[in-house]
């Protein structure tokens, strides 16, 4: 198994996970944090910017998973993708939880 292929699956999962909240906020017409806001990652960007950013993340995830011919039937491929989703998902939950109340004691 090529480790570069697994690394691309991992980052493909990370981009896939990052795409979801931006794309959903964008198509829902809601502003959301993005790297293009002021300050980056903290301020809100328009729904259009978020939809475009989410779509770009989907494209990058697809390109990374295509490297080395990603196969859902291959356990190492799925594990690498899943770890990328898990890591970025946990990081996003902590970072965005500051803004949306997800890290407060009442949310537990």
PDB file of N, CA and C in Angstrom:
ATOM      1  N   UNK A   1       0.843  -1.183   0.000  1.00  0.00           N
ATOM      2  CA  UNK A   1       0.000   0.000   0.000  1.00  0.00           C
ATOM      3  C   UNK A   1       0.886   1.244   0.000  1.00  0.00           C
ATOM      4  N   UNK A   2       0.610   2.140  -0.907  1.00  0.00           N
ATOM      5  CA  UNK A   2       1.362   3.369  -1.052  1.00  0.00           C
ATOM      6  C   UNK A   2       0.943   4.366   0.032  1.00  0.00           C
ATOM      7  N   UNK A   3       1.885   4.829   0.827  1.00  0.00           N
ATOM      8  CA  UNK A   3       1.548   5.731   1.926  1.00  0.00           C
ATOM      9  C   UNK A   3       1.082   7.089   1.408  1.00  0.00           C
ATOM     10  N   UNK A   4       1.540   7.530   0.226  1.00  0.00           N
ATOM     11  CA  UNK A   4       1.064   8.787  -0.332  1.00  0.00           C
ATOM     12  C   UNK A   4      -0.420   8.696  -0.696  1.00  0.00           C
ATOM     13  N   UNK A   5      -0.833   7.531  -1.157  1.00  0.00           N
ATOM     14  CA  UNK A   5      -2.243   7.306  -1.454  1.00  0.00           C
ATOM     15  C   UNK A   5      -3.070   7.424  -0.178  1.00  0.00           C
ATOM     16  N   UNK A   6      -2.612   6.802   0.902  1.00  0.00           N
ATOM     17  CA  UNK A   6      -3.340   6.878   2.169  1.00  0.00           C
ATOM     18  C   UNK A   6      -3.355   8.298   2.716  1.00  0.00           C
ATOM     19  N   UNK A   7      -2.251   9.013   2.548  1.00  0.00           N
ATOM     20  CA  UNK A   7      -2.193  10.401   2.986  1.00  0.00           C
ATOM     21  C   UNK A   7      -3.174  11.266   2.197  1.00  0.00           C
ATOM     22  N   UNK A   8      -3.281  11.009   0.896  1.00  0.00           N
ATOM     23  CA  UNK A   8      -4.243  11.773   0.096  1.00  0.00           C
ATOM     24  C   UNK A   8      -5.677  11.413   0.496  1.00  0.00           C
ATOM     25  N   UNK A   9      -5.933  10.161   0.864  1.00  0.00           N
ATOM     26  CA  UNK A   9      -7.267   9.776   1.364  1.00  0.00           C
ATOM     27  C   UNK A   9      -7.575  10.494   2.675  1.00  0.00           C
ATOM     28  N   UNK A  10      -6.583  10.588   3.546  1.00  0.00           N
ATOM     29  CA  UNK A  10      -6.753  11.287   4.822  1.00  0.00           C
ATOM     30  C   UNK A  10      -7.130  12.747   4.587  1.00  0.00           C
ATOM     31  N   UNK A  11      -6.366  13.438   3.742  1.00  0.00           N
ATOM     32  CA  UNK A  11      -6.660  14.842   3.478  1.00  0.00           C
ATOM     33  C   UNK A  11      -7.940  15.003   2.656  1.00  0.00           C
ATOM     34  N   UNK A  12      -8.254  14.014   1.827  1.00  0.00           N
ATOM     35  CA  UNK A  12      -9.535  14.030   1.131  1.00  0.00           C
ATOM     36  C   UNK A  12     -10.682  14.010   2.126  1.00  0.00           C
ATOM     37  N   UNK A  13     -10.558  13.194   3.173  1.00  0.00           N
ATOM     38  CA  UNK A  13     -11.568  13.157   4.236  1.00  0.00           C
ATOM     39  C   UNK A  13     -11.657  14.475   4.978  1.00  0.00           C
ATOM     40  N   UNK A  14     -10.506  15.101   5.207  1.00  0.00           N
ATOM     41  CA  UNK A  14     -10.494  16.392   5.896  1.00  0.00           C
ATOM     42  C   UNK A  14     -11.222  17.455   5.070  1.00  0.00           C
ATOM     43  N   UNK A  15     -10.937  17.512   3.772  1.00  0.00           N
ATOM     44  CA  UNK A  15     -11.610  18.477   2.914  1.00  0.00           C
ATOM     45  C   UNK A  15     -13.096  18.157   2.774  1.00  0.00           C
ATOM     46  N   UNK A  16     -13.425  16.878   2.729  1.00  0.00           N
ATOM     47  CA  UNK A  16     -14.826  16.472   2.648  1.00  0.00           C
ATOM     48  C   UNK A  16     -15.596  16.952   3.879  1.00  0.00           C
ATOM     49  N   UNK A  17     -15.021  16.747   5.045  1.00  0.00           N
ATOM     50  CA  UNK A  17     -15.661  17.170   6.289  1.00  0.00           C
ATOM     51  C   UNK A  17     -15.784  18.694   6.352  1.00  0.00           C
ATOM     52  N   UNK A  18     -14.776  19.409   5.874  1.00  0.00           N
ATOM     53  CA  UNK A  18     -14.819  20.866   5.877  1.00  0.00           C
ATOM     54  C   UNK A  18     -15.849  21.392   4.883  1.00  0.00           C
ATOM     55  N   UNK A  19     -16.083  20.660   3.810  1.00  0.00           N
ATOM     56  CA  UNK A  19     -17.031  21.115   2.785  1.00  0.00           C
ATOM     57  C   UNK A  19     -18.460  21.160   3.304  1.00  0.00           C
ATOM     58  N   UNK A  20     -18.822  20.206   4.129  1.00  0.00           N
ATOM     59  CA  UNK A  20     -20.233  20.041   4.522  1.00  0.00           C
ATOM     60  C   UNK A  20     -20.812  21.273   5.222  1.00  0.00           C
ATOM     61  N   UNK A  21     -20.229  21.786   6.314  1.00  0.00           N
ATOM     62  CA  UNK A  21     -20.880  22.912   6.992  1.00  0.00           C
ATOM     63  C   UNK A  21     -20.929  24.170   6.127  1.00  0.00           C
ATOM     64  N   UNK A  22     -19.880  24.408   5.333  1.00  0.00           N
ATOM     65  CA  UNK A  22     -19.869  25.600   4.485  1.00  0.00           C
ATOM     66  C   UNK A  22     -20.916  25.496   3.381  1.00  0.00           C
ATOM     67  N   UNK A  23     -20.994  24.334   2.753  1.00  0.00           N
ATOM     68  CA  UNK A  23     -21.954  24.142   1.669  1.00  0.00           C
ATOM     69  C   UNK A  23     -23.392  24.217   2.195  1.00  0.00           C
ATOM     70  N   UNK A  24     -23.645  23.550   3.308  1.00  0.00           N
ATOM     71  CA  UNK A  24     -24.998  23.545   3.882  1.00  0.00           C
ATOM     72  C   UNK A  24     -25.403  24.954   4.312  1.00  0.00           C
ATOM     73  N   UNK A  25     -24.511  25.676   4.970  1.00  0.00           N
ATOM     74  CA  UNK A  25     -24.827  27.055   5.363  1.00  0.00           C
ATOM     75  C   UNK A  25     -25.089  27.899   4.122  1.00  0.00           C
ATOM     76  N   UNK A  26     -24.278  27.697   3.100  1.00  0.00           N
ATOM     77  CA  UNK A  26     -24.441  28.478   1.881  1.00  0.00           C
ATOM     78  C   UNK A  26     -25.758  28.232   1.181  1.00  0.00           C
ATOM     79  N   UNK A  27     -26.108  26.984   0.964  1.00  0.00           N
ATOM     80  CA  UNK A  27     -27.363  26.692   0.261  1.00  0.00           C
ATOM     81  C   UNK A  27     -28.578  26.967   1.146  1.00  0.00           C
ATOM     82  N   UNK A  28     -28.368  27.077   2.458  1.00  0.00           N
ATOM     83  CA  UNK A  28     -29.455  27.433   3.367  1.00  0.00           C
ATOM     84  C   UNK A  28     -29.633  28.945   3.471  1.00  0.00           C
ATOM     85  N   UNK A  29     -28.717  29.689   2.862  1.00  0.00           N
ATOM     86  CA  UNK A  29     -28.815  31.140   2.881  1.00  0.00           C
ATOM     87  C   UNK A  29     -28.335  31.778   4.168  1.00  0.00           C
ATOM     88  N   UNK A  30     -27.536  31.046   4.946  1.00  0.00           N
ATOM     89  CA  UNK A  30     -27.048  31.572   6.225  1.00  0.00           C
ATOM     90  C   UNK A  30     -25.582  31.968   6.128  1.00  0.00           C
ATOM     91  N   UNK A  31     -25.180  33.066   6.784  1.00  0.00           N
ATOM     92  CA  UNK A  31     -23.757  33.391   6.864  1.00  0.00           C
ATOM     93  C   UNK A  31     -23.063  32.399   7.799  1.00  0.00           C
ATOM     94  N   UNK A  32     -21.781  32.232   7.601  1.00  0.00           N
ATOM     95  CA  UNK A  32     -21.010  31.283   8.408  1.00  0.00           C
ATOM     96  C   UNK A  32     -19.547  31.711   8.380  1.00  0.00           C
ATOM     97  N   UNK A  33     -18.785  31.276   9.376  1.00  0.00           N
ATOM     98  CA  UNK A  33     -17.363  31.590   9.414  1.00  0.00           C
ATOM     99  C   UNK A  33     -16.671  30.977   8.199  1.00  0.00           C
ATOM    100  N   UNK A  34     -15.678  31.697   7.687  1.00  0.00           N
ATOM    101  CA  UNK A  34     -14.862  31.159   6.602  1.00  0.00           C
ATOM    102  C   UNK A  34     -13.489  31.824   6.650  1.00  0.00           C
ATOM    103  N   UNK A  35     -12.542  31.285   5.898  1.00  0.00           N
ATOM    104  CA  UNK A  35     -11.211  31.905   5.869  1.00  0.00           C
ATOM    105  C   UNK A  35     -11.207  33.268   5.185  1.00  0.00           C
ATOM    106  N   UNK A  36     -12.289  33.639   4.522  1.00  0.00           N
ATOM    107  CA  UNK A  36     -12.343  34.899   3.780  1.00  0.00           C
ATOM    108  C   UNK A  36     -12.981  36.023   4.585  1.00  0.00           C
ATOM    109  N   UNK A  37     -13.459  35.718   5.774  1.00  0.00           N
ATOM    110  CA  UNK A  37     -14.110  36.717   6.621  1.00  0.00           C
ATOM    111  C   UNK A  37     -13.046  37.558   7.323  1.00  0.00           C
ATOM    112  N   UNK A  38     -13.516  38.581   8.010  1.00  0.00           N
ATOM    113  CA  UNK A  38     -12.603  39.418   8.782  1.00  0.00           C
ATOM    114  C   UNK A  38     -13.075  39.420  10.230  1.00  0.00           C
ATOM    115  N   UNK A  39     -12.283  38.930  11.149  1.00  0.00           N
ATOM    116  CA  UNK A  39     -11.006  38.218  11.005  1.00  0.00           C
ATOM    117  C   UNK A  39     -11.224  36.808  10.446  1.00  0.00           C
ATOM    118  N   UNK A  40     -10.223  36.291   9.733  1.00  0.00           N
ATOM    119  CA  UNK A  40     -10.363  34.976   9.089  1.00  0.00           C
ATOM    120  C   UNK A  40     -10.741  33.878  10.082  1.00  0.00           C
ATOM    121  N   UNK A  41     -11.765  33.107   9.727  1.00  0.00           N
ATOM    122  CA  UNK A  41     -12.200  31.992  10.556  1.00  0.00           C
ATOM    123  C   UNK A  41     -13.072  32.377  11.721  1.00  0.00           C
ATOM    124  N   UNK A  42     -13.240  33.681  11.961  1.00  0.00           N
ATOM    125  CA  UNK A  42     -14.058  34.129  13.085  1.00  0.00           C
ATOM    126  C   UNK A  42     -15.245  34.961  12.622  1.00  0.00           C
ATOM    127  N   UNK A  43     -14.999  35.860  11.678  1.00  0.00           N
ATOM    128  CA  UNK A  43     -16.085  36.674  11.146  1.00  0.00           C
ATOM    129  C   UNK A  43     -16.970  35.842  10.233  1.00  0.00           C
ATOM    130  N   UNK A  44     -18.116  36.408   9.881  1.00  0.00           N
ATOM    131  CA  UNK A  44     -19.063  35.698   9.039  1.00  0.00           C
ATOM    132  C   UNK A  44     -18.879  36.090   7.579  1.00  0.00           C
ATOM    133  N   UNK A  45     -18.974  35.092   6.703  1.00  0.00           N
ATOM    134  CA  UNK A  45     -18.974  35.321   5.265  1.00  0.00           C
ATOM    135  C   UNK A  45     -20.384  35.092   4.749  1.00  0.00           C
ATOM    136  N   UNK A  46     -20.665  35.649   3.597  1.00  0.00           N
ATOM    137  CA  UNK A  46     -22.000  35.516   3.014  1.00  0.00           C
ATOM    138  C   UNK A  46     -22.300  34.066   2.656  1.00  0.00           C
ATOM    139  N   UNK A  47     -23.577  33.796   2.441  1.00  0.00           N
ATOM    140  CA  UNK A  47     -23.978  32.448   2.052  1.00  0.00           C
ATOM    141  C   UNK A  47     -23.377  32.065   0.703  1.00  0.00           C
ATOM    142  N   UNK A  48     -23.241  33.015  -0.199  1.00  0.00           N
ATOM    143  CA  UNK A  48     -22.651  32.726  -1.516  1.00  0.00           C
ATOM    144  C   UNK A  48     -21.190  32.330  -1.383  1.00  0.00           C
ATOM    145  N   UNK A  49     -20.434  33.066  -0.583  1.00  0.00           N
ATOM    146  CA  UNK A  49     -19.020  32.732  -0.365  1.00  0.00           C
ATOM    147  C   UNK A  49     -18.901  31.348   0.250  1.00  0.00           C
ATOM    148  N   UNK A  50     -19.751  31.041   1.226  1.00  0.00           N
ATOM    149  CA  UNK A  50     -19.690  29.736   1.878  1.00  0.00           C
ATOM    150  C   UNK A  50     -20.074  28.603   0.942  1.00  0.00           C
ATOM    151  N   UNK A  51     -21.068  28.813   0.092  1.00  0.00           N
ATOM    152  CA  UNK A  51     -21.452  27.770  -0.853  1.00  0.00           C
ATOM    153  C   UNK A  51     -20.301  27.499  -1.822  1.00  0.00           C
ATOM    154  N   UNK A  52     -19.675  28.568  -2.323  1.00  0.00           N
ATOM    155  CA  UNK A  52     -18.546  28.400  -3.241  1.00  0.00           C
ATOM    156  C   UNK A  52     -17.354  27.740  -2.545  1.00  0.00           C
ATOM    157  N   UNK A  53     -17.088  28.136  -1.296  1.00  0.00           N
ATOM    158  CA  UNK A  53     -15.980  27.539  -0.536  1.00  0.00           C
ATOM    159  C   UNK A  53     -16.254  26.058  -0.264  1.00  0.00           C
ATOM    160  N   UNK A  54     -17.484  25.736   0.092  1.00  0.00           N
ATOM    161  CA  UNK A  54     -17.853  24.337   0.313  1.00  0.00           C
ATOM    162  C   UNK A  54     -17.722  23.528  -0.964  1.00  0.00           C
ATOM    163  N   UNK A  55     -18.178  24.075  -2.087  1.00  0.00           N
ATOM    164  CA  UNK A  55     -18.076  23.364  -3.358  1.00  0.00           C
ATOM    165  C   UNK A  55     -16.620  23.128  -3.739  1.00  0.00           C
ATOM    166  N   UNK A  56     -15.767  24.143  -3.539  1.00  0.00           N
ATOM    167  CA  UNK A  56     -14.331  23.969  -3.821  1.00  0.00           C
ATOM    168  C   UNK A  56     -13.739  22.870  -2.945  1.00  0.00           C
ATOM    169  N   UNK A  57     -14.148  22.808  -1.689  1.00  0.00           N
ATOM    170  CA  UNK A  57     -13.665  21.749  -0.796  1.00  0.00           C
ATOM    171  C   UNK A  57     -14.107  20.371  -1.271  1.00  0.00           C
ATOM    172  N   UNK A  58     -15.344  20.259  -1.797  1.00  0.00           N
ATOM    173  CA  UNK A  58     -15.805  18.994  -2.376  1.00  0.00           C
ATOM    174  C   UNK A  58     -14.930  18.594  -3.569  1.00  0.00           C
ATOM    175  N   UNK A  59     -14.601  19.558  -4.419  1.00  0.00           N
ATOM    176  CA  UNK A  59     -13.766  19.284  -5.593  1.00  0.00           C
ATOM    177  C   UNK A  59     -12.379  18.817  -5.166  1.00  0.00           C
ATOM    178  N   UNK A  60     -11.791  19.487  -4.179  1.00  0.00           N
ATOM    179  CA  UNK A  60     -10.463  19.101  -3.689  1.00  0.00           C
ATOM    180  C   UNK A  60     -10.515  17.711  -3.066  1.00  0.00           C
ATOM    181  N   UNK A  61     -11.550  17.430  -2.276  1.00  0.00           N
ATOM    182  CA  UNK A  61     -11.705  16.101  -1.667  1.00  0.00           C
ATOM    183  C   UNK A  61     -11.784  15.030  -2.744  1.00  0.00           C
ATOM    184  N   UNK A  62     -12.560  15.286  -3.778  1.00  0.00           N
ATOM    185  CA  UNK A  62     -12.691  14.334  -4.880  1.00  0.00           C
ATOM    186  C   UNK A  62     -11.342  14.099  -5.553  1.00  0.00           C
ATOM    187  N   UNK A  63     -10.621  15.184  -5.843  1.00  0.00           N
ATOM    188  CA  UNK A  63      -9.322  15.056  -6.508  1.00  0.00           C
ATOM    189  C   UNK A  63      -8.336  14.267  -5.644  1.00  0.00           C
ATOM    190  N   UNK A  64      -8.328  14.535  -4.350  1.00  0.00           N
ATOM    191  CA  UNK A  64      -7.402  13.821  -3.459  1.00  0.00           C
ATOM    192  C   UNK A  64      -7.762  12.340  -3.356  1.00  0.00           C
ATOM    193  N   UNK A  65      -9.047  12.043  -3.321  1.00  0.00           N
ATOM    194  CA  UNK A  65      -9.453  10.636  -3.213  1.00  0.00           C
ATOM    195  C   UNK A  65      -9.253   9.882  -4.526  1.00  0.00           C
ATOM    196  N   UNK A  66      -9.216  10.594  -5.628  1.00  0.00           N
ATOM    197  CA  UNK A  66      -8.968   9.946  -6.923  1.00  0.00           C
ATOM    198  C   UNK A  66      -7.501   9.543  -7.074  1.00  0.00           C
ATOM    199  N   UNK A  67      -6.623  10.208  -6.338  1.00  0.00           N
ATOM    200  CA  UNK A  67      -5.204   9.869  -6.403  1.00  0.00           C
ATOM    201  C   UNK A  67      -5.022   8.424  -5.935  1.00  0.00           C
ATOM    202  N   UNK A  68      -4.473   7.583  -6.767  1.00  0.00           N
ATOM    203  CA  UNK A  68      -4.238   6.199  -6.387  1.00  0.00           C
ATOM    204  C   UNK A  68      -5.469   5.332  -6.445  1.00  0.00           C
ATOM    205  N   UNK A  69      -6.569   5.832  -7.009  1.00  0.00           N
ATOM    206  CA  UNK A  69      -7.778   5.040  -7.211  1.00  0.00           C
ATOM    207  C   UNK A  69      -8.408   4.582  -5.891  1.00  0.00           C
ATOM    208  N   UNK A  70      -9.005   5.527  -5.164  1.00  0.00           N
ATOM    209  CA  UNK A  70      -9.703   5.246  -3.905  1.00  0.00           C
ATOM    210  C   UNK A  70     -10.761   4.171  -4.124  1.00  0.00           C
ATOM    211  N   UNK A  71     -10.841   3.224  -3.196  1.00  0.00           N
ATOM    212  CA  UNK A  71     -11.805   2.134  -3.303  1.00  0.00           C
ATOM    213  C   UNK A  71     -12.500   1.941  -1.954  1.00  0.00           C
ATOM    214  N   UNK A  72     -13.825   2.095  -1.938  1.00  0.00           N
ATOM    215  CA  UNK A  72     -14.591   1.928  -0.696  1.00  0.00           C
ATOM    216  C   UNK A  72     -14.506   0.517  -0.132  1.00  0.00           C
ATOM    217  N   UNK A  73     -14.111  -0.451  -0.940  1.00  0.00           N
ATOM    218  CA  UNK A  73     -14.001  -1.840  -0.470  1.00  0.00           C
ATOM    219  C   UNK A  73     -12.644  -2.131   0.165  1.00  0.00           C
ATOM    220  N   UNK A  74     -11.730  -1.160   0.099  1.00  0.00           N
ATOM    221  CA  UNK A  74     -10.393  -1.338   0.682  1.00  0.00           C
ATOM    222  C   UNK A  74     -10.373  -0.679   2.065  1.00  0.00           C
ATOM    223  N   UNK A  75     -10.217  -1.494   3.082  1.00  0.00           N
ATOM    224  CA  UNK A  75     -10.257  -0.998   4.458  1.00  0.00           C
ATOM    225  C   UNK A  75      -9.248   0.113   4.723  1.00  0.00           C
ATOM    226  N   UNK A  76      -7.985   0.012   4.284  1.00  0.00           N
ATOM    227  CA  UNK A  76      -7.047   1.110   4.553  1.00  0.00           C
ATOM    228  C   UNK A  76      -7.499   2.445   3.956  1.00  0.00           C
ATOM    229  N   UNK A  77      -8.106   2.402   2.760  1.00  0.00           N
ATOM    230  CA  UNK A  77      -8.596   3.631   2.135  1.00  0.00           C
ATOM    231  C   UNK A  77      -9.692   4.263   2.986  1.00  0.00           C
ATOM    232  N   UNK A  78     -10.634   3.449   3.437  1.00  0.00           N
ATOM    233  CA  UNK A  78     -11.762   3.948   4.218  1.00  0.00           C
ATOM    234  C   UNK A  78     -11.299   4.438   5.590  1.00  0.00           C
ATOM    235  N   UNK A  79     -10.367   3.746   6.201  1.00  0.00           N
ATOM    236  CA  UNK A  79      -9.845   4.163   7.504  1.00  0.00           C
ATOM    237  C   UNK A  79      -9.131   5.504   7.382  1.00  0.00           C
ATOM    238  N   UNK A  80      -8.299   5.665   6.356  1.00  0.00           N
ATOM    239  CA  UNK A  80      -7.585   6.934   6.154  1.00  0.00           C
ATOM    240  C   UNK A  80      -8.572   8.076   5.930  1.00  0.00           C
ATOM    241  N   UNK A  81      -9.579   7.855   5.085  1.00  0.00           N
ATOM    242  CA  UNK A  81     -10.600   8.866   4.833  1.00  0.00           C
ATOM    243  C   UNK A  81     -11.354   9.180   6.122  1.00  0.00           C
ATOM    244  N   UNK A  82     -11.744   8.147   6.852  1.00  0.00           N
ATOM    245  CA  UNK A  82     -12.484   8.328   8.096  1.00  0.00           C
ATOM    246  C   UNK A  82     -11.694   9.075   9.151  1.00  0.00           C
ATOM    247  N   UNK A  83     -10.403   8.813   9.232  1.00  0.00           N
ATOM    248  CA  UNK A  83      -9.566   9.537  10.202  1.00  0.00           C
ATOM    249  C   UNK A  83      -9.460  11.015   9.845  1.00  0.00           C
ATOM    250  N   UNK A  84      -9.401  11.324   8.554  1.00  0.00           N
ATOM    251  CA  UNK A  84      -9.388  12.720   8.127  1.00  0.00           C
ATOM    252  C   UNK A  84     -10.689  13.420   8.499  1.00  0.00           C
ATOM    253  N   UNK A  85     -11.817  12.738   8.267  1.00  0.00           N
ATOM    254  CA  UNK A  85     -13.121  13.295   8.641  1.00  0.00           C
ATOM    255  C   UNK A  85     -13.192  13.482  10.153  1.00  0.00           C
ATOM    256  N   UNK A  86     -12.770  12.475  10.910  1.00  0.00           N
ATOM    257  CA  UNK A  86     -12.837  12.533  12.370  1.00  0.00           C
ATOM    258  C   UNK A  86     -11.982  13.670  12.926  1.00  0.00           C
ATOM    259  N   UNK A  87     -10.744  13.777  12.467  1.00  0.00           N
ATOM    260  CA  UNK A  87      -9.837  14.797  12.999  1.00  0.00           C
ATOM    261  C   UNK A  87     -10.357  16.203  12.717  1.00  0.00           C
ATOM    262  N   UNK A  88     -10.719  16.480  11.473  1.00  0.00           N
ATOM    263  CA  UNK A  88     -11.209  17.814  11.137  1.00  0.00           C
ATOM    264  C   UNK A  88     -12.579  18.052  11.779  1.00  0.00           C
ATOM    265  N   UNK A  89     -13.385  17.010  11.898  1.00  0.00           N
ATOM    266  CA  UNK A  89     -14.680  17.148  12.558  1.00  0.00           C
ATOM    267  C   UNK A  89     -14.529  17.558  14.015  1.00  0.00           C
ATOM    268  N   UNK A  90     -13.613  16.910  14.729  1.00  0.00           N
ATOM    269  CA  UNK A  90     -13.376  17.269  16.130  1.00  0.00           C
ATOM    270  C   UNK A  90     -12.803  18.680  16.252  1.00  0.00           C
ATOM    271  N   UNK A  91     -11.863  19.015  15.386  1.00  0.00           N
ATOM    272  CA  UNK A  91     -11.274  20.355  15.404  1.00  0.00           C
ATOM    273  C   UNK A  91     -12.344  21.408  15.112  1.00  0.00           C
ATOM    274  N   UNK A  92     -13.184  21.155  14.117  1.00  0.00           N
ATOM    275  CA  UNK A  92     -14.252  22.098  13.770  1.00  0.00           C
ATOM    276  C   UNK A  92     -15.255  22.237  14.901  1.00  0.00           C
ATOM    277  N   UNK A  93     -15.604  21.138  15.539  1.00  0.00           N
ATOM    278  CA  UNK A  93     -16.552  21.189  16.658  1.00  0.00           C
ATOM    279  C   UNK A  93     -16.021  22.081  17.774  1.00  0.00           C
ATOM    280  N   UNK A  94     -14.748  21.962  18.065  1.00  0.00           N
ATOM    281  CA  UNK A  94     -14.155  22.795  19.118  1.00  0.00           C
ATOM    282  C   UNK A  94     -14.075  24.264  18.692  1.00  0.00           C
ATOM    283  N   UNK A  95     -13.616  24.500  17.458  1.00  0.00           N
ATOM    284  CA  UNK A  95     -13.447  25.886  17.007  1.00  0.00           C
ATOM    285  C   UNK A  95     -14.788  26.588  16.815  1.00  0.00           C
ATOM    286  N   UNK A  96     -15.726  25.957  16.104  1.00  0.00           N
ATOM    287  CA  UNK A  96     -17.011  26.594  15.843  1.00  0.00           C
ATOM    288  C   UNK A  96     -17.900  26.580  17.076  1.00  0.00           C
ATOM    289  N   UNK A  97     -17.645  25.690  18.011  1.00  0.00           N
ATOM    290  CA  UNK A  97     -18.406  25.656  19.247  1.00  0.00           C
ATOM    291  C   UNK A  97     -18.245  26.919  20.056  1.00  0.00           C
ATOM    292  N   UNK A  98     -17.112  27.598  19.894  1.00  0.00           N
ATOM    293  CA  UNK A  98     -16.897  28.879  20.588  1.00  0.00           C
ATOM    294  C   UNK A  98     -17.917  29.911  20.144  1.00  0.00           C
ATOM    295  N   UNK A  99     -18.319  29.862  18.886  1.00  0.00           N
ATOM    296  CA  UNK A  99     -19.209  30.874  18.327  1.00  0.00           C
ATOM    297  C   UNK A  99     -20.681  30.515  18.431  1.00  0.00           C
ATOM    298  N   UNK A 100     -20.982  29.236  18.539  1.00  0.00           N
ATOM    299  CA  UNK A 100     -22.374  28.798  18.481  1.00  0.00           C
ATOM    300  C   UNK A 100     -22.843  28.119  19.767  1.00  0.00           C
ATOM    301  N   UNK A 101     -22.068  28.223  20.834  1.00  0.00           N
ATOM    302  CA  UNK A 101     -22.482  27.695  22.127  1.00  0.00           C
ATOM    303  C   UNK A 101     -22.283  26.211  22.315  1.00  0.00           C
ATOM    304  N   UNK A 102     -21.595  25.547  21.418  1.00  0.00           N
ATOM    305  CA  UNK A 102     -21.414  24.105  21.515  1.00  0.00           C
ATOM    306  C   UNK A 102     -20.417  23.675  22.553  1.00  0.00           C
ATOM    307  N   UNK A 103     -19.613  24.587  23.084  1.00  0.00           N
ATOM    308  CA  UNK A 103     -18.605  24.239  24.078  1.00  0.00           C
ATOM    309  C   UNK A 103     -19.010  24.675  25.485  1.00  0.00           C
ATOM    310  N   UNK A 104     -20.209  25.210  25.636  1.00  0.00           N
ATOM    311  CA  UNK A 104     -20.623  25.702  26.950  1.00  0.00           C
ATOM    312  C   UNK A 104     -21.024  24.535  27.847  1.00  0.00           C
ATOM    313  N   UNK A 105     -20.936  24.703  29.172  1.00  0.00           N
ATOM    314  CA  UNK A 105     -21.327  23.643  30.090  1.00  0.00           C
ATOM    315  C   UNK A 105     -22.802  23.258  29.934  1.00  0.00           C
ATOM    316  N   UNK A 106     -23.670  24.192  29.536  1.00  0.00           N
ATOM    317  CA  UNK A 106     -25.084  23.903  29.365  1.00  0.00           C
ATOM    318  C   UNK A 106     -25.310  22.952  28.186  1.00  0.00           C
ATOM    319  N   UNK A 107     -24.385  22.919  27.222  1.00  0.00           N
ATOM    320  CA  UNK A 107     -24.558  22.082  26.024  1.00  0.00           C
ATOM    321  C   UNK A 107     -24.233  20.614  26.278  1.00  0.00           C
ATOM    322  N   UNK A 108     -23.705  20.307  27.437  1.00  0.00           N
ATOM    323  CA  UNK A 108     -23.310  18.916  27.717  1.00  0.00           C
ATOM    324  C   UNK A 108     -24.451  18.090  28.046  1.00  0.00           C
TER     325      UNK A 108
END
